[in-house]
Amino acid sequence: MGRVKLSEEEKTVVKEVMDELGISGGRIKMLVEAVGVRTGFDKKKMRVAVKRALVGGEPTVKKK
């Protein structure tokens, strides 16, 4: 999985989510960007998904 090209608005959302959660770092930023693409850059969904990813929780997608 490579880097995702983001618009300026999307970059701003990624930075805001990282600041709200108090996290930093290159790998974390790549994680937040990837989560943003999956969630349509919805801040609330992004925060939940990033927290789950960082603590090793189950993915939010339900299995059939």
N, C-alpha and C. Protein backbone atom coordinates (compact mmCIF):
# COMPACT_ATOMS: atom_id res chain seq x y z
N MET A 1 0.85 -1.18 0.00
CA MET A 1 0.00 0.00 0.00
C MET A 1 0.89 1.23 0.00
N GLY A 2 0.70 2.10 -0.97
CA GLY A 2 1.52 3.31 -1.07
C GLY A 2 0.84 4.51 -0.45
N ARG A 3 1.55 5.62 -0.50
CA ARG A 3 1.00 6.87 0.02
C ARG A 3 -0.20 7.28 -0.80
N VAL A 4 -1.13 7.91 -0.15
CA VAL A 4 -2.35 8.37 -0.79
C VAL A 4 -2.22 9.87 -1.06
N LYS A 5 -2.58 10.30 -2.27
CA LYS A 5 -2.57 11.73 -2.59
C LYS A 5 -3.81 12.36 -1.97
N LEU A 6 -3.60 13.38 -1.12
CA LEU A 6 -4.71 14.02 -0.44
C LEU A 6 -4.84 15.47 -0.86
N SER A 7 -6.07 15.97 -0.84
CA SER A 7 -6.30 17.39 -1.10
C SER A 7 -5.94 18.18 0.16
N GLU A 8 -5.91 19.49 0.04
CA GLU A 8 -5.57 20.33 1.19
C GLU A 8 -6.59 20.17 2.32
N GLU A 9 -7.88 20.05 1.97
CA GLU A 9 -8.92 19.88 2.99
C GLU A 9 -8.72 18.56 3.73
N GLU A 10 -8.39 17.52 2.99
CA GLU A 10 -8.18 16.21 3.61
C GLU A 10 -6.95 16.22 4.51
N LYS A 11 -5.90 16.90 4.09
CA LYS A 11 -4.70 17.02 4.93
C LYS A 11 -5.03 17.75 6.22
N THR A 12 -5.88 18.76 6.13
CA THR A 12 -6.28 19.51 7.32
C THR A 12 -7.05 18.62 8.28
N VAL A 13 -7.95 17.81 7.76
CA VAL A 13 -8.73 16.89 8.60
C VAL A 13 -7.80 15.89 9.29
N VAL A 14 -6.83 15.36 8.55
CA VAL A 14 -5.87 14.40 9.13
C VAL A 14 -5.11 15.06 10.27
N LYS A 15 -4.64 16.28 10.07
CA LYS A 15 -3.89 16.99 11.10
C LYS A 15 -4.77 17.26 12.33
N GLU A 16 -6.02 17.66 12.11
CA GLU A 16 -6.93 17.93 13.22
C GLU A 16 -7.19 16.68 14.05
N VAL A 17 -7.41 15.55 13.38
CA VAL A 17 -7.67 14.29 14.09
C VAL A 17 -6.44 13.89 14.90
N MET A 18 -5.25 14.03 14.32
CA MET A 18 -4.02 13.68 15.04
C MET A 18 -3.84 14.59 16.25
N ASP A 19 -4.14 15.88 16.10
CA ASP A 19 -4.02 16.81 17.22
C ASP A 19 -5.03 16.49 18.32
N GLU A 20 -6.27 16.17 17.94
CA GLU A 20 -7.30 15.84 18.91
C GLU A 20 -6.94 14.61 19.72
N LEU A 21 -6.33 13.63 19.06
CA LEU A 21 -5.96 12.39 19.74
C LEU A 21 -4.60 12.50 20.43
N GLY A 22 -3.86 13.56 20.15
CA GLY A 22 -2.56 13.75 20.78
C GLY A 22 -1.52 12.77 20.29
N ILE A 23 -1.57 12.42 19.01
CA ILE A 23 -0.61 11.47 18.45
C ILE A 23 0.20 12.15 17.36
N SER A 24 1.39 11.61 17.13
CA SER A 24 2.25 12.16 16.08
C SER A 24 3.12 11.04 15.53
N GLY A 25 3.78 11.33 14.43
CA GLY A 25 4.68 10.36 13.82
C GLY A 25 4.28 10.03 12.40
N GLY A 26 5.26 9.63 11.61
CA GLY A 26 5.03 9.35 10.20
C GLY A 26 4.14 8.15 9.95
N ARG A 27 4.40 7.06 10.66
CA ARG A 27 3.59 5.85 10.45
C ARG A 27 2.16 6.06 10.93
N ILE A 28 2.01 6.80 12.03
CA ILE A 28 0.68 7.10 12.53
C ILE A 28 -0.07 7.96 11.53
N LYS A 29 0.64 8.92 10.92
CA LYS A 29 0.01 9.79 9.93
C LYS A 29 -0.47 8.98 8.73
N MET A 30 0.33 8.02 8.30
CA MET A 30 -0.08 7.16 7.18
C MET A 30 -1.31 6.34 7.55
N LEU A 31 -1.37 5.88 8.80
CA LEU A 31 -2.53 5.14 9.28
C LEU A 31 -3.77 6.03 9.26
N VAL A 32 -3.64 7.25 9.77
CA VAL A 32 -4.78 8.17 9.82
C VAL A 32 -5.25 8.51 8.40
N GLU A 33 -4.30 8.70 7.48
CA GLU A 33 -4.67 8.99 6.09
C GLU A 33 -5.44 7.81 5.49
N ALA A 34 -4.97 6.59 5.72
CA ALA A 34 -5.64 5.41 5.18
C ALA A 34 -7.04 5.25 5.77
N VAL A 35 -7.16 5.49 7.07
CA VAL A 35 -8.46 5.42 7.72
C VAL A 35 -9.38 6.50 7.16
N GLY A 36 -8.82 7.68 6.91
CA GLY A 36 -9.61 8.77 6.34
C GLY A 36 -10.20 8.42 4.99
N VAL A 37 -9.40 7.79 4.16
CA VAL A 37 -9.89 7.38 2.84
C VAL A 37 -11.03 6.38 2.99
N ARG A 38 -10.89 5.42 3.91
CA ARG A 38 -11.94 4.41 4.12
C ARG A 38 -13.22 4.99 4.68
N THR A 39 -13.10 6.03 5.54
CA THR A 39 -14.28 6.58 6.21
C THR A 39 -14.82 7.83 5.55
N GLY A 40 -14.25 8.23 4.44
CA GLY A 40 -14.72 9.43 3.76
C GLY A 40 -14.36 10.70 4.50
N PHE A 41 -13.32 10.65 5.31
CA PHE A 41 -12.81 11.79 6.09
C PHE A 41 -13.86 12.36 7.04
N ASP A 42 -14.68 11.47 7.61
CA ASP A 42 -15.62 11.84 8.67
C ASP A 42 -14.84 11.80 9.98
N LYS A 43 -14.69 12.96 10.64
CA LYS A 43 -13.82 13.05 11.82
C LYS A 43 -14.20 12.06 12.92
N LYS A 44 -15.49 11.93 13.21
CA LYS A 44 -15.92 11.05 14.29
C LYS A 44 -15.56 9.60 13.98
N LYS A 45 -15.86 9.15 12.77
CA LYS A 45 -15.54 7.78 12.38
C LYS A 45 -14.03 7.56 12.36
N MET A 46 -13.29 8.59 11.93
CA MET A 46 -11.83 8.47 11.88
C MET A 46 -11.25 8.29 13.28
N ARG A 47 -11.72 9.09 14.24
CA ARG A 47 -11.20 8.98 15.61
C ARG A 47 -11.43 7.59 16.17
N VAL A 48 -12.63 7.05 15.98
CA VAL A 48 -12.95 5.72 16.50
C VAL A 48 -12.08 4.67 15.84
N ALA A 49 -11.95 4.73 14.51
CA ALA A 49 -11.17 3.72 13.78
C ALA A 49 -9.69 3.78 14.15
N VAL A 50 -9.14 4.99 14.31
CA VAL A 50 -7.73 5.13 14.66
C VAL A 50 -7.49 4.60 16.07
N LYS A 51 -8.37 4.93 17.00
CA LYS A 51 -8.22 4.41 18.37
C LYS A 51 -8.24 2.89 18.37
N ARG A 52 -9.18 2.31 17.62
CA ARG A 52 -9.26 0.85 17.56
C ARG A 52 -8.00 0.24 16.96
N ALA A 53 -7.48 0.89 15.92
CA ALA A 53 -6.27 0.37 15.27
C ALA A 53 -5.08 0.44 16.22
N LEU A 54 -4.99 1.50 16.99
CA LEU A 54 -3.83 1.68 17.87
C LEU A 54 -3.86 0.75 19.07
N VAL A 55 -5.04 0.37 19.54
CA VAL A 55 -5.11 -0.54 20.68
C VAL A 55 -5.31 -1.99 20.24
N GLY A 56 -5.40 -2.22 18.93
CA GLY A 56 -5.51 -3.59 18.43
C GLY A 56 -6.90 -4.17 18.52
N GLY A 57 -7.91 -3.32 18.48
CA GLY A 57 -9.29 -3.79 18.55
C GLY A 57 -9.74 -4.43 17.26
N GLU A 58 -10.92 -4.97 17.31
CA GLU A 58 -11.52 -5.58 16.13
C GLU A 58 -11.89 -4.51 15.12
N PRO A 59 -11.82 -4.82 13.84
CA PRO A 59 -12.25 -3.84 12.83
C PRO A 59 -13.74 -3.58 12.94
N THR A 60 -14.17 -2.41 12.48
CA THR A 60 -15.58 -2.03 12.61
C THR A 60 -16.46 -2.69 11.56
N VAL A 61 -15.87 -3.36 10.57
CA VAL A 61 -16.65 -4.02 9.53
C VAL A 61 -17.15 -5.35 10.08
N LYS A 62 -18.45 -5.57 9.96
CA LYS A 62 -19.03 -6.82 10.47
C LYS A 62 -18.76 -7.96 9.51
N LYS A 63 -18.46 -9.12 10.07
CA LYS A 63 -18.22 -10.31 9.26
C LYS A 63 -19.55 -10.99 8.97
N LYS A 64 -19.63 -11.64 7.81
CA LYS A 64 -20.87 -12.34 7.44
C LYS A 64 -20.89 -13.72 8.02
